[in-house]
Amino acid sequence: MTLKVYADRMSQPSRAVILFCKLNRIDFEEVKIDISKRQHLSPEFAEINPMRQVPAIVDGRFKLSESHAILIYLACSFPGVADHWYPADVSKRAKIHSVLDWHHSNLRRGASFG
């Protein structure tokens, strides 16, 4: 079953997930969600992500939202993804989490549409 990535390319977090998949040759289907047309608010999309935000993924029966969580899932779940994206070493992983948390708390705050 193909990974489905629900995204709007106007969304930086959506672009990050798409680029990660492409850089790591992860086979995926992009499902376009047009935020400007409020498609993310539809009942159909709410079944994918009850928070009604992009990006979101569906991998088989597994659904996940939030770009950082998605990126970690992809790095851990798909063969061939280089270790430097999400190292096995717990100290290195902690550094990655530190940067991801800082990014979410500082850079993303002013970049939202709302």
PDB file of N, CA and C in Angstrom:
ATOM      1  N   MET A   1       0.849  -1.180   0.000  1.00  0.00           N
ATOM      2  CA  MET A   1       0.000   0.000   0.000  1.00  0.00           C
ATOM      3  C   MET A   1       0.893   1.241   0.000  1.00  0.00           C
ATOM      4  N   THR A   2       0.553   2.217  -0.808  1.00  0.00           N
ATOM      5  CA  THR A   2       1.346   3.429  -0.950  1.00  0.00           C
ATOM      6  C   THR A   2       1.046   4.422   0.164  1.00  0.00           C
ATOM      7  N   LEU A   3       2.096   5.027   0.658  1.00  0.00           N
ATOM      8  CA  LEU A   3       1.979   6.111   1.624  1.00  0.00           C
ATOM      9  C   LEU A   3       1.239   7.270   0.967  1.00  0.00           C
ATOM     10  N   LYS A   4       0.271   7.837   1.664  1.00  0.00           N
ATOM     11  CA  LYS A   4      -0.436   9.018   1.171  1.00  0.00           C
ATOM     12  C   LYS A   4      -0.026  10.209   2.017  1.00  0.00           C
ATOM     13  N   VAL A   5       0.368  11.293   1.343  1.00  0.00           N
ATOM     14  CA  VAL A   5       0.741  12.533   2.015  1.00  0.00           C
ATOM     15  C   VAL A   5      -0.300  13.576   1.652  1.00  0.00           C
ATOM     16  N   TYR A   6      -1.037  14.036   2.639  1.00  0.00           N
ATOM     17  CA  TYR A   6      -2.055  15.069   2.459  1.00  0.00           C
ATOM     18  C   TYR A   6      -1.378  16.402   2.720  1.00  0.00           C
ATOM     19  N   ALA A   7      -1.352  17.258   1.682  1.00  0.00           N
ATOM     20  CA  ALA A   7      -0.536  18.462   1.794  1.00  0.00           C
ATOM     21  C   ALA A   7      -1.061  19.590   0.921  1.00  0.00           C
ATOM     22  N   ASP A   8      -0.703  20.789   1.326  1.00  0.00           N
ATOM     23  CA  ASP A   8      -0.874  21.989   0.514  1.00  0.00           C
ATOM     24  C   ASP A   8       0.519  22.580   0.378  1.00  0.00           C
ATOM     25  N   ARG A   9       1.002  22.705  -0.836  1.00  0.00           N
ATOM     26  CA  ARG A   9       2.381  23.156  -1.040  1.00  0.00           C
ATOM     27  C   ARG A   9       2.620  24.598  -0.610  1.00  0.00           C
ATOM     28  N   MET A  10       1.576  25.337  -0.288  1.00  0.00           N
ATOM     29  CA  MET A  10       1.753  26.668   0.291  1.00  0.00           C
ATOM     30  C   MET A  10       2.185  26.561   1.752  1.00  0.00           C
ATOM     31  N   SER A  11       2.029  25.396   2.320  1.00  0.00           N
ATOM     32  CA  SER A  11       2.375  25.139   3.721  1.00  0.00           C
ATOM     33  C   SER A  11       3.822  24.649   3.805  1.00  0.00           C
ATOM     34  N   GLN A  12       4.663  25.383   4.537  1.00  0.00           N
ATOM     35  CA  GLN A  12       6.064  24.978   4.689  1.00  0.00           C
ATOM     36  C   GLN A  12       6.180  23.590   5.319  1.00  0.00           C
ATOM     37  N   PRO A  13       5.421  23.257   6.353  1.00  0.00           N
ATOM     38  CA  PRO A  13       5.521  21.900   6.897  1.00  0.00           C
ATOM     39  C   PRO A  13       5.141  20.826   5.868  1.00  0.00           C
ATOM     40  N   SER A  14       4.171  21.122   5.010  1.00  0.00           N
ATOM     41  CA  SER A  14       3.815  20.179   3.945  1.00  0.00           C
ATOM     42  C   SER A  14       4.979  19.996   2.985  1.00  0.00           C
ATOM     43  N   ARG A  15       5.604  21.096   2.604  1.00  0.00           N
ATOM     44  CA  ARG A  15       6.748  21.012   1.688  1.00  0.00           C
ATOM     45  C   ARG A  15       7.887  20.215   2.312  1.00  0.00           C
ATOM     46  N   ALA A  16       8.106  20.373   3.608  1.00  0.00           N
ATOM     47  CA  ALA A  16       9.177  19.631   4.278  1.00  0.00           C
ATOM     48  C   ALA A  16       8.944  18.123   4.175  1.00  0.00           C
ATOM     49  N   VAL A  17       7.720  17.685   4.388  1.00  0.00           N
ATOM     50  CA  VAL A  17       7.404  16.253   4.314  1.00  0.00           C
ATOM     51  C   VAL A  17       7.565  15.747   2.881  1.00  0.00           C
ATOM     52  N   ILE A  18       7.067  16.496   1.913  1.00  0.00           N
ATOM     53  CA  ILE A  18       7.186  16.091   0.506  1.00  0.00           C
ATOM     54  C   ILE A  18       8.653  16.004   0.099  1.00  0.00           C
ATOM     55  N   LEU A  19       9.439  17.016   0.448  1.00  0.00           N
ATOM     56  CA  LEU A  19      10.865  17.009   0.103  1.00  0.00           C
ATOM     57  C   LEU A  19      11.601  15.851   0.770  1.00  0.00           C
ATOM     58  N   PHE A  20      11.278  15.569   2.019  1.00  0.00           N
ATOM     59  CA  PHE A  20      11.909  14.445   2.706  1.00  0.00           C
ATOM     60  C   PHE A  20      11.622  13.143   1.960  1.00  0.00           C
ATOM     61  N   CYS A  21      10.385  12.944   1.563  1.00  0.00           N
ATOM     62  CA  CYS A  21      10.025  11.733   0.818  1.00  0.00           C
ATOM     63  C   CYS A  21      10.799  11.650  -0.492  1.00  0.00           C
ATOM     64  N   LYS A  22      10.871  12.754  -1.203  1.00  0.00           N
ATOM     65  CA  LYS A  22      11.574  12.751  -2.492  1.00  0.00           C
ATOM     66  C   LYS A  22      13.073  12.523  -2.312  1.00  0.00           C
ATOM     67  N   LEU A  23      13.687  13.211  -1.354  1.00  0.00           N
ATOM     68  CA  LEU A  23      15.127  13.057  -1.121  1.00  0.00           C
ATOM     69  C   LEU A  23      15.492  11.633  -0.727  1.00  0.00           C
ATOM     70  N   ASN A  24      14.590  10.957  -0.047  1.00  0.00           N
ATOM     71  CA  ASN A  24      14.857   9.604   0.434  1.00  0.00           C
ATOM     72  C   ASN A  24      14.206   8.522  -0.417  1.00  0.00           C
ATOM     73  N   ARG A  25      13.695   8.917  -1.559  1.00  0.00           N
ATOM     74  CA  ARG A  25      13.081   7.982  -2.516  1.00  0.00           C
ATOM     75  C   ARG A  25      11.996   7.114  -1.873  1.00  0.00           C
ATOM     76  N   ILE A  26      11.197   7.762  -1.043  1.00  0.00           N
ATOM     77  CA  ILE A  26      10.051   7.084  -0.436  1.00  0.00           C
ATOM     78  C   ILE A  26       8.887   7.207  -1.406  1.00  0.00           C
ATOM     79  N   ASP A  27       8.340   6.084  -1.810  1.00  0.00           N
ATOM     80  CA  ASP A  27       7.209   6.082  -2.733  1.00  0.00           C
ATOM     81  C   ASP A  27       5.983   6.620  -2.003  1.00  0.00           C
ATOM     82  N   PHE A  28       5.357   7.644  -2.572  1.00  0.00           N
ATOM     83  CA  PHE A  28       4.183   8.226  -1.928  1.00  0.00           C
ATOM     84  C   PHE A  28       3.248   8.812  -2.970  1.00  0.00           C
ATOM     85  N   GLU A  29       2.002   8.950  -2.549  1.00  0.00           N
ATOM     86  CA  GLU A  29       0.988   9.631  -3.355  1.00  0.00           C
ATOM     87  C   GLU A  29       0.671  10.946  -2.652  1.00  0.00           C
ATOM     88  N   GLU A  30       0.809  12.043  -3.385  1.00  0.00           N
ATOM     89  CA  GLU A  30       0.459  13.343  -2.813  1.00  0.00           C
ATOM     90  C   GLU A  30      -1.028  13.595  -3.031  1.00  0.00           C
ATOM     91  N   VAL A  31      -1.734  13.835  -1.947  1.00  0.00           N
ATOM     92  CA  VAL A  31      -3.149  14.188  -2.008  1.00  0.00           C
ATOM     93  C   VAL A  31      -3.224  15.673  -1.690  1.00  0.00           C
ATOM     94  N   LYS A  32      -3.591  16.457  -2.689  1.00  0.00           N
ATOM     95  CA  LYS A  32      -3.580  17.909  -2.528  1.00  0.00           C
ATOM     96  C   LYS A  32      -4.800  18.379  -1.748  1.00  0.00           C
ATOM     97  N   ILE A  33      -4.520  19.141  -0.707  1.00  0.00           N
ATOM     98  CA  ILE A  33      -5.547  19.759   0.124  1.00  0.00           C
ATOM     99  C   ILE A  33      -5.372  21.264  -0.040  1.00  0.00           C
ATOM    100  N   ASP A  34      -6.338  21.912  -0.640  1.00  0.00           N
ATOM    101  CA  ASP A  34      -6.239  23.349  -0.911  1.00  0.00           C
ATOM    102  C   ASP A  34      -6.798  24.133   0.277  1.00  0.00           C
ATOM    103  N   ILE A  35      -5.886  24.692   1.056  1.00  0.00           N
ATOM    104  CA  ILE A  35      -6.299  25.454   2.239  1.00  0.00           C
ATOM    105  C   ILE A  35      -7.112  26.676   1.840  1.00  0.00           C
ATOM    106  N   SER A  36      -6.747  27.307   0.717  1.00  0.00           N
ATOM    107  CA  SER A  36      -7.472  28.517   0.295  1.00  0.00           C
ATOM    108  C   SER A  36      -8.927  28.215  -0.045  1.00  0.00           C
ATOM    109  N   LYS A  37      -9.208  26.956  -0.382  1.00  0.00           N
ATOM    110  CA  LYS A  37     -10.589  26.536  -0.655  1.00  0.00           C
ATOM    111  C   LYS A  37     -11.211  25.844   0.561  1.00  0.00           C
ATOM    112  N   ARG A  38     -10.486  25.890   1.671  1.00  0.00           N
ATOM    113  CA  ARG A  38     -10.952  25.362   2.950  1.00  0.00           C
ATOM    114  C   ARG A  38     -11.200  23.843   2.927  1.00  0.00           C
ATOM    115  N   GLN A  39     -10.482  23.152   2.040  1.00  0.00           N
ATOM    116  CA  GLN A  39     -10.634  21.705   1.946  1.00  0.00           C
ATOM    117  C   GLN A  39     -10.196  20.996   3.227  1.00  0.00           C
ATOM    118  N   HIS A  40      -9.312  21.629   3.984  1.00  0.00           N
ATOM    119  CA  HIS A  40      -8.842  21.025   5.235  1.00  0.00           C
ATOM    120  C   HIS A  40      -9.938  20.990   6.302  1.00  0.00           C
ATOM    121  N   LEU A  41     -11.012  21.728   6.071  1.00  0.00           N
ATOM    122  CA  LEU A  41     -12.119  21.764   7.028  1.00  0.00           C
ATOM    123  C   LEU A  41     -13.230  20.775   6.692  1.00  0.00           C
ATOM    124  N   SER A  42     -13.047  20.013   5.623  1.00  0.00           N
ATOM    125  CA  SER A  42     -14.093  19.079   5.190  1.00  0.00           C
ATOM    126  C   SER A  42     -14.215  17.901   6.154  1.00  0.00           C
ATOM    127  N   PRO A  43     -15.399  17.312   6.235  1.00  0.00           N
ATOM    128  CA  PRO A  43     -15.578  16.114   7.076  1.00  0.00           C
ATOM    129  C   PRO A  43     -14.679  14.959   6.622  1.00  0.00           C
ATOM    130  N   GLU A  44     -14.434  14.853   5.312  1.00  0.00           N
ATOM    131  CA  GLU A  44     -13.581  13.781   4.791  1.00  0.00           C
ATOM    132  C   GLU A  44     -12.149  13.924   5.315  1.00  0.00           C
ATOM    133  N   PHE A  45     -11.633  15.157   5.289  1.00  0.00           N
ATOM    134  CA  PHE A  45     -10.270  15.358   5.779  1.00  0.00           C
ATOM    135  C   PHE A  45     -10.210  15.218   7.298  1.00  0.00           C
ATOM    136  N   ALA A  46     -11.270  15.572   7.991  1.00  0.00           N
ATOM    137  CA  ALA A  46     -11.298  15.419   9.455  1.00  0.00           C
ATOM    138  C   ALA A  46     -11.141  13.956   9.861  1.00  0.00           C
ATOM    139  N   GLU A  47     -11.535  13.027   8.990  1.00  0.00           N
ATOM    140  CA  GLU A  47     -11.323  11.604   9.268  1.00  0.00           C
ATOM    141  C   GLU A  47      -9.841  11.245   9.201  1.00  0.00           C
ATOM    142  N   ILE A  48      -9.090  11.980   8.386  1.00  0.00           N
ATOM    143  CA  ILE A  48      -7.643  11.778   8.280  1.00  0.00           C
ATOM    144  C   ILE A  48      -6.944  12.461   9.451  1.00  0.00           C
ATOM    145  N   ASN A  49      -7.301  13.726   9.690  1.00  0.00           N
ATOM    146  CA  ASN A  49      -6.708  14.502  10.780  1.00  0.00           C
ATOM    147  C   ASN A  49      -7.794  15.314  11.474  1.00  0.00           C
ATOM    148  N   PRO A  50      -8.232  14.884  12.638  1.00  0.00           N
ATOM    149  CA  PRO A  50      -9.282  15.613  13.364  1.00  0.00           C
ATOM    150  C   PRO A  50      -8.908  17.064  13.691  1.00  0.00           C
ATOM    151  N   MET A  51      -7.603  17.381  13.711  1.00  0.00           N
ATOM    152  CA  MET A  51      -7.175  18.760  13.954  1.00  0.00           C
ATOM    153  C   MET A  51      -7.322  19.624  12.696  1.00  0.00           C
ATOM    154  N   ARG A  52      -7.564  18.963  11.561  1.00  0.00           N
ATOM    155  CA  ARG A  52      -7.833  19.637  10.279  1.00  0.00           C
ATOM    156  C   ARG A  52      -6.698  20.547   9.829  1.00  0.00           C
ATOM    157  N   GLN A  53      -5.483  20.038   9.972  1.00  0.00           N
ATOM    158  CA  GLN A  53      -4.297  20.765   9.531  1.00  0.00           C
ATOM    159  C   GLN A  53      -3.464  19.873   8.627  1.00  0.00           C
ATOM    160  N   VAL A  54      -2.720  20.507   7.714  1.00  0.00           N
ATOM    161  CA  VAL A  54      -1.765  19.784   6.878  1.00  0.00           C
ATOM    162  C   VAL A  54      -0.369  20.069   7.390  1.00  0.00           C
ATOM    163  N   PRO A  55       0.533  19.135   7.195  1.00  0.00           N
ATOM    164  CA  PRO A  55       0.386  17.867   6.499  1.00  0.00           C
ATOM    165  C   PRO A  55      -0.177  16.777   7.413  1.00  0.00           C
ATOM    166  N   ALA A  56      -0.596  15.720   6.754  1.00  0.00           N
ATOM    167  CA  ALA A  56      -1.010  14.497   7.433  1.00  0.00           C
ATOM    168  C   ALA A  56      -0.634  13.345   6.510  1.00  0.00           C
ATOM    169  N   ILE A  57      -0.452  12.177   7.085  1.00  0.00           N
ATOM    170  CA  ILE A  57      -0.157  11.004   6.264  1.00  0.00           C
ATOM    171  C   ILE A  57      -1.079   9.860   6.646  1.00  0.00           C
ATOM    172  N   VAL A  58      -1.228   8.955   5.681  1.00  0.00           N
ATOM    173  CA  VAL A  58      -1.875   7.671   5.936  1.00  0.00           C
ATOM    174  C   VAL A  58      -0.943   6.616   5.361  1.00  0.00           C
ATOM    175  N   ASP A  59      -0.519   5.703   6.213  1.00  0.00           N
ATOM    176  CA  ASP A  59       0.348   4.600   5.810  1.00  0.00           C
ATOM    177  C   ASP A  59      -0.368   3.316   6.199  1.00  0.00           C
ATOM    178  N   GLY A  60      -1.067   2.738   5.226  1.00  0.00           N
ATOM    179  CA  GLY A  60      -1.921   1.594   5.542  1.00  0.00           C
ATOM    180  C   GLY A  60      -3.086   2.065   6.387  1.00  0.00           C
ATOM    181  N   ARG A  61      -3.205   1.522   7.584  1.00  0.00           N
ATOM    182  CA  ARG A  61      -4.281   1.938   8.497  1.00  0.00           C
ATOM    183  C   ARG A  61      -3.816   2.994   9.496  1.00  0.00           C
ATOM    184  N   PHE A  62      -2.526   3.341   9.440  1.00  0.00           N
ATOM    185  CA  PHE A  62      -1.940   4.287  10.386  1.00  0.00           C
ATOM    186  C   PHE A  62      -2.063   5.714   9.865  1.00  0.00           C
ATOM    187  N   LYS A  63      -2.605   6.605  10.699  1.00  0.00           N
ATOM    188  CA  LYS A  63      -2.759   8.018  10.350  1.00  0.00           C
ATOM    189  C   LYS A  63      -1.916   8.846  11.308  1.00  0.00           C
ATOM    190  N   LEU A  64      -1.283   9.905  10.770  1.00  0.00           N
ATOM    191  CA  LEU A  64      -0.425  10.740  11.600  1.00  0.00           C
ATOM    192  C   LEU A  64      -0.434  12.165  11.072  1.00  0.00           C
ATOM    193  N   SER A  65      -0.401  13.117  11.991  1.00  0.00           N
ATOM    194  CA  SER A  65      -0.309  14.530  11.621  1.00  0.00           C
ATOM    195  C   SER A  65       0.881  15.149  12.342  1.00  0.00           C
ATOM    196  N   GLU A  66       1.118  16.417  12.079  1.00  0.00           N
ATOM    197  CA  GLU A  66       2.233  17.202  12.619  1.00  0.00           C
ATOM    198  C   GLU A  66       3.533  16.820  11.911  1.00  0.00           C
ATOM    199  N   SER A  67       4.094  17.788  11.213  1.00  0.00           N
ATOM    200  CA  SER A  67       5.248  17.530  10.349  1.00  0.00           C
ATOM    201  C   SER A  67       6.429  16.905  11.083  1.00  0.00           C
ATOM    202  N   HIS A  68       6.737  17.357  12.279  1.00  0.00           N
ATOM    203  CA  HIS A  68       7.887  16.786  12.988  1.00  0.00           C
ATOM    204  C   HIS A  68       7.655  15.313  13.298  1.00  0.00           C
ATOM    205  N   ALA A  69       6.468  14.973  13.761  1.00  0.00           N
ATOM    206  CA  ALA A  69       6.145  13.569  14.041  1.00  0.00           C
ATOM    207  C   ALA A  69       6.188  12.747  12.758  1.00  0.00           C
ATOM    208  N   ILE A  70       5.687  13.318  11.675  1.00  0.00           N
ATOM    209  CA  ILE A  70       5.697  12.617  10.386  1.00  0.00           C
ATOM    210  C   ILE A  70       7.129  12.366   9.932  1.00  0.00           C
ATOM    211  N   LEU A  71       7.980  13.375  10.017  1.00  0.00           N
ATOM    212  CA  LEU A  71       9.369  13.221   9.581  1.00  0.00           C
ATOM    213  C   LEU A  71      10.087  12.141  10.386  1.00  0.00           C
ATOM    214  N   ILE A  72       9.867  12.109  11.681  1.00  0.00           N
ATOM    215  CA  ILE A  72      10.489  11.077  12.518  1.00  0.00           C
ATOM    216  C   ILE A  72       9.955   9.698  12.134  1.00  0.00           C
ATOM    217  N   TYR A  73       8.652   9.597  11.932  1.00  0.00           N
ATOM    218  CA  TYR A  73       8.052   8.326  11.527  1.00  0.00           C
ATOM    219  C   TYR A  73       8.648   7.841  10.207  1.00  0.00           C
ATOM    220  N   LEU A  74       8.741   8.735   9.232  1.00  0.00           N
ATOM    221  CA  LEU A  74       9.286   8.357   7.926  1.00  0.00           C
ATOM    222  C   LEU A  74      10.739   7.909   8.049  1.00  0.00           C
ATOM    223  N   ALA A  75      11.523   8.644   8.833  1.00  0.00           N
ATOM    224  CA  ALA A  75      12.940   8.300   8.999  1.00  0.00           C
ATOM    225  C   ALA A  75      13.114   6.924   9.633  1.00  0.00           C
ATOM    226  N   CYS A  76      12.209   6.550  10.507  1.00  0.00           N
ATOM    227  CA  CYS A  76      12.314   5.276  11.226  1.00  0.00           C
ATOM    228  C   CYS A  76      11.637   4.113  10.514  1.00  0.00           C
ATOM    229  N   SER A  77      10.692   4.393   9.641  1.00  0.00           N
ATOM    230  CA  SER A  77       9.835   3.334   9.103  1.00  0.00           C
ATOM    231  C   SER A  77      10.188   2.863   7.704  1.00  0.00           C
ATOM    232  N   PHE A  78      10.940   3.659   6.966  1.00  0.00           N
ATOM    233  CA  PHE A  78      11.190   3.310   5.576  1.00  0.00           C
ATOM    234  C   PHE A  78      12.646   2.920   5.375  1.00  0.00           C
ATOM    235  N   PRO A  79      12.872   1.756   4.781  1.00  0.00           N
ATOM    236  CA  PRO A  79      14.245   1.302   4.560  1.00  0.00           C
ATOM    237  C   PRO A  79      14.965   2.236   3.587  1.00  0.00           C
ATOM    238  N   GLY A  80      16.245   2.377   3.799  1.00  0.00           N
ATOM    239  CA  GLY A  80      17.049   3.195   2.901  1.00  0.00           C
ATOM    240  C   GLY A  80      17.194   4.645   3.326  1.00  0.00           C
ATOM    241  N   VAL A  81      16.479   5.061   4.370  1.00  0.00           N
ATOM    242  CA  VAL A  81      16.626   6.436   4.857  1.00  0.00           C
ATOM    243  C   VAL A  81      17.931   6.499   5.651  1.00  0.00           C
ATOM    244  N   ALA A  82      18.804   7.418   5.259  1.00  0.00           N
ATOM    245  CA  ALA A  82      20.120   7.525   5.890  1.00  0.00           C
ATOM    246  C   ALA A  82      20.000   7.818   7.387  1.00  0.00           C
ATOM    247  N   ASP A  83      20.913   7.256   8.148  1.00  0.00           N
ATOM    248  CA  ASP A  83      20.926   7.392   9.601  1.00  0.00           C
ATOM    249  C   ASP A  83      21.096   8.842  10.058  1.00  0.00           C
ATOM    250  N   HIS A  84      21.698   9.694   9.228  1.00  0.00           N
ATOM    251  CA  HIS A  84      21.922  11.076   9.676  1.00  0.00           C
ATOM    252  C   HIS A  84      20.620  11.858   9.862  1.00  0.00           C
ATOM    253  N   TRP A  85      19.520  11.407   9.255  1.00  0.00           N
ATOM    254  CA  TRP A  85      18.246  12.100   9.429  1.00  0.00           C
ATOM    255  C   TRP A  85      17.709  11.930  10.842  1.00  0.00           C
ATOM    256  N   TYR A  86      17.870  10.731  11.381  1.00  0.00           N
ATOM    257  CA  TYR A  86      17.373  10.430  12.734  1.00  0.00           C
ATOM    258  C   TYR A  86      18.236   9.300  13.294  1.00  0.00           C
ATOM    259  N   PRO A  87      19.387   9.660  13.849  1.00  0.00           N
ATOM    260  CA  PRO A  87      20.388   8.664  14.254  1.00  0.00           C
ATOM    261  C   PRO A  87      19.895   7.707  15.338  1.00  0.00           C
ATOM    262  N   ALA A  88      20.498   6.542  15.362  1.00  0.00           N
ATOM    263  CA  ALA A  88      20.187   5.561  16.404  1.00  0.00           C
ATOM    264  C   ALA A  88      20.734   6.015  17.757  1.00  0.00           C
ATOM    265  N   ASP A  89      21.818   6.781  17.751  1.00  0.00           N
ATOM    266  CA  ASP A  89      22.436   7.272  18.987  1.00  0.00           C
ATOM    267  C   ASP A  89      21.483   8.218  19.709  1.00  0.00           C
ATOM    268  N   VAL A  90      21.153   7.895  20.960  1.00  0.00           N
ATOM    269  CA  VAL A  90      20.155   8.657  21.713  1.00  0.00           C
ATOM    270  C   VAL A  90      20.591  10.108  21.946  1.00  0.00           C
ATOM    271  N   SER A  91      21.872  10.368  22.130  1.00  0.00           N
ATOM    272  CA  SER A  91      22.349  11.746  22.321  1.00  0.00           C
ATOM    273  C   SER A  91      22.144  12.575  21.064  1.00  0.00           C
ATOM    274  N   LYS A  92      22.420  11.973  19.921  1.00  0.00           N
ATOM    275  CA  LYS A  92      22.219  12.679  18.649  1.00  0.00           C
ATOM    276  C   LYS A  92      20.730  12.915  18.402  1.00  0.00           C
ATOM    277  N   ARG A  93      19.913  11.937  18.751  1.00  0.00           N
ATOM    278  CA  ARG A  93      18.460  12.115  18.604  1.00  0.00           C
ATOM    279  C   ARG A  93      17.960  13.242  19.500  1.00  0.00           C
ATOM    280  N   ALA A  94      18.480  13.325  20.700  1.00  0.00           N
ATOM    281  CA  ALA A  94      18.074  14.389  21.623  1.00  0.00           C
ATOM    282  C   ALA A  94      18.392  15.759  21.041  1.00  0.00           C
ATOM    283  N   LYS A  95      19.531  15.883  20.373  1.00  0.00           N
ATOM    284  CA  LYS A  95      19.887  17.156  19.723  1.00  0.00           C
ATOM    285  C   LYS A  95      18.886  17.487  18.620  1.00  0.00           C
ATOM    286  N   ILE A  96      18.486  16.482  17.857  1.00  0.00           N
ATOM    287  CA  ILE A  96      17.491  16.694  16.798  1.00  0.00           C
ATOM    288  C   ILE A  96      16.175  17.151  17.411  1.00  0.00           C
ATOM    289  N   HIS A  97      15.750  16.511  18.490  1.00  0.00           N
ATOM    290  CA  HIS A  97      14.509  16.920  19.158  1.00  0.00           C
ATOM    291  C   HIS A  97      14.614  18.344  19.683  1.00  0.00           C
ATOM    292  N   SER A  98      15.771  18.707  20.183  1.00  0.00           N
ATOM    293  CA  SER A  98      15.984  20.066  20.676  1.00  0.00           C
ATOM    294  C   SER A  98      15.774  21.088  19.561  1.00  0.00           C
ATOM    295  N   VAL A  99      16.331  20.819  18.395  1.00  0.00           N
ATOM    296  CA  VAL A  99      16.173  21.732  17.251  1.00  0.00           C
ATOM    297  C   VAL A  99      14.725  21.740  16.769  1.00  0.00           C
ATOM    298  N   LEU A 100      14.098  20.571  16.683  1.00  0.00           N
ATOM    299  CA  LEU A 100      12.703  20.515  16.240  1.00  0.00           C
ATOM    300  C   LEU A 100      11.788  21.272  17.194  1.00  0.00           C
ATOM    301  N   ASP A 101      12.001  21.119  18.484  1.00  0.00           N
ATOM    302  CA  ASP A 101      11.181  21.842  19.460  1.00  0.00           C
ATOM    303  C   ASP A 101      11.406  23.343  19.367  1.00  0.00           C
ATOM    304  N   TRP A 102      12.661  23.754  19.213  1.00  0.00           N
ATOM    305  CA  TRP A 102      12.966  25.178  19.072  1.00  0.00           C
ATOM    306  C   TRP A 102      12.303  25.724  17.806  1.00  0.00           C
ATOM    307  N   HIS A 103      12.406  24.969  16.724  1.00  0.00           N
ATOM    308  CA  HIS A 103      11.818  25.388  15.448  1.00  0.00           C
ATOM    309  C   HIS A 103      10.319  25.602  15.591  1.00  0.00           C
ATOM    310  N   HIS A 104       9.656  24.647  16.206  1.00  0.00           N
ATOM    311  CA  HIS A 104       8.202  24.725  16.357  1.00  0.00           C
ATOM    312  C   HIS A 104       7.795  25.891  17.259  1.00  0.00           C
ATOM    313  N   SER A 105       8.541  26.107  18.324  1.00  0.00           N
ATOM    314  CA  SER A 105       8.190  27.147  19.297  1.00  0.00           C
ATOM    315  C   SER A 105       8.562  28.553  18.849  1.00  0.00           C
ATOM    316  N   ASN A 106       9.543  28.681  17.970  1.00  0.00           N
ATOM    317  CA  ASN A 106      10.050  30.002  17.615  1.00  0.00           C
ATOM    318  C   ASN A 106       9.802  30.399  16.167  1.00  0.00           C
ATOM    319  N   LEU A 107      10.198  29.582  15.232  1.00  0.00           N
ATOM    320  CA  LEU A 107      10.075  29.968  13.831  1.00  0.00           C
ATOM    321  C   LEU A 107       8.665  29.816  13.294  1.00  0.00           C
ATOM    322  N   ARG A 108       7.972  28.745  13.665  1.00  0.00           N
ATOM    323  CA  ARG A 108       6.656  28.479  13.094  1.00  0.00           C
ATOM    324  C   ARG A 108       5.571  29.387  13.659  1.00  0.00           C
ATOM    325  N   ARG A 109       5.782  29.957  14.830  1.00  0.00           N
ATOM    326  CA  ARG A 109       4.744  30.751  15.492  1.00  0.00           C
ATOM    327  C   ARG A 109       4.252  31.895  14.603  1.00  0.00           C
ATOM    328  N   GLY A 110       5.149  32.627  13.985  1.00  0.00           N
ATOM    329  CA  GLY A 110       4.760  33.779  13.175  1.00  0.00           C
ATOM    330  C   GLY A 110       4.462  33.463  11.733  1.00  0.00           C
ATOM    331  N   ALA A 111       4.597  32.207  11.343  1.00  0.00           N
ATOM    332  CA  ALA A 111       4.442  31.863   9.938  1.00  0.00           C
ATOM    333  C   ALA A 111       3.095  31.232   9.604  1.00  0.00           C
ATOM    334  N   SER A 112       2.197  31.160  10.552  1.00  0.00           N
ATOM    335  CA  SER A 112       0.913  30.503  10.293  1.00  0.00           C
ATOM    336  C   SER A 112      -0.034  31.435   9.550  1.00  0.00           C
ATOM    337  N   PHE A 113      -1.034  30.840   8.932  1.00  0.00           N
ATOM    338  CA  PHE A 113      -2.018  31.603   8.158  1.00  0.00           C
ATOM    339  C   PHE A 113      -3.055  32.275   9.043  1.00  0.00           C
ATOM    340  N   GLY A 114      -3.158  31.886  10.285  1.00  0.00           N
ATOM    341  CA  GLY A 114      -4.254  32.367  11.098  1.00  0.00           C
ATOM    342  C   GLY A 114      -3.806  33.340  12.091  1.00  0.00           C
TER     343      GLY A 114
END
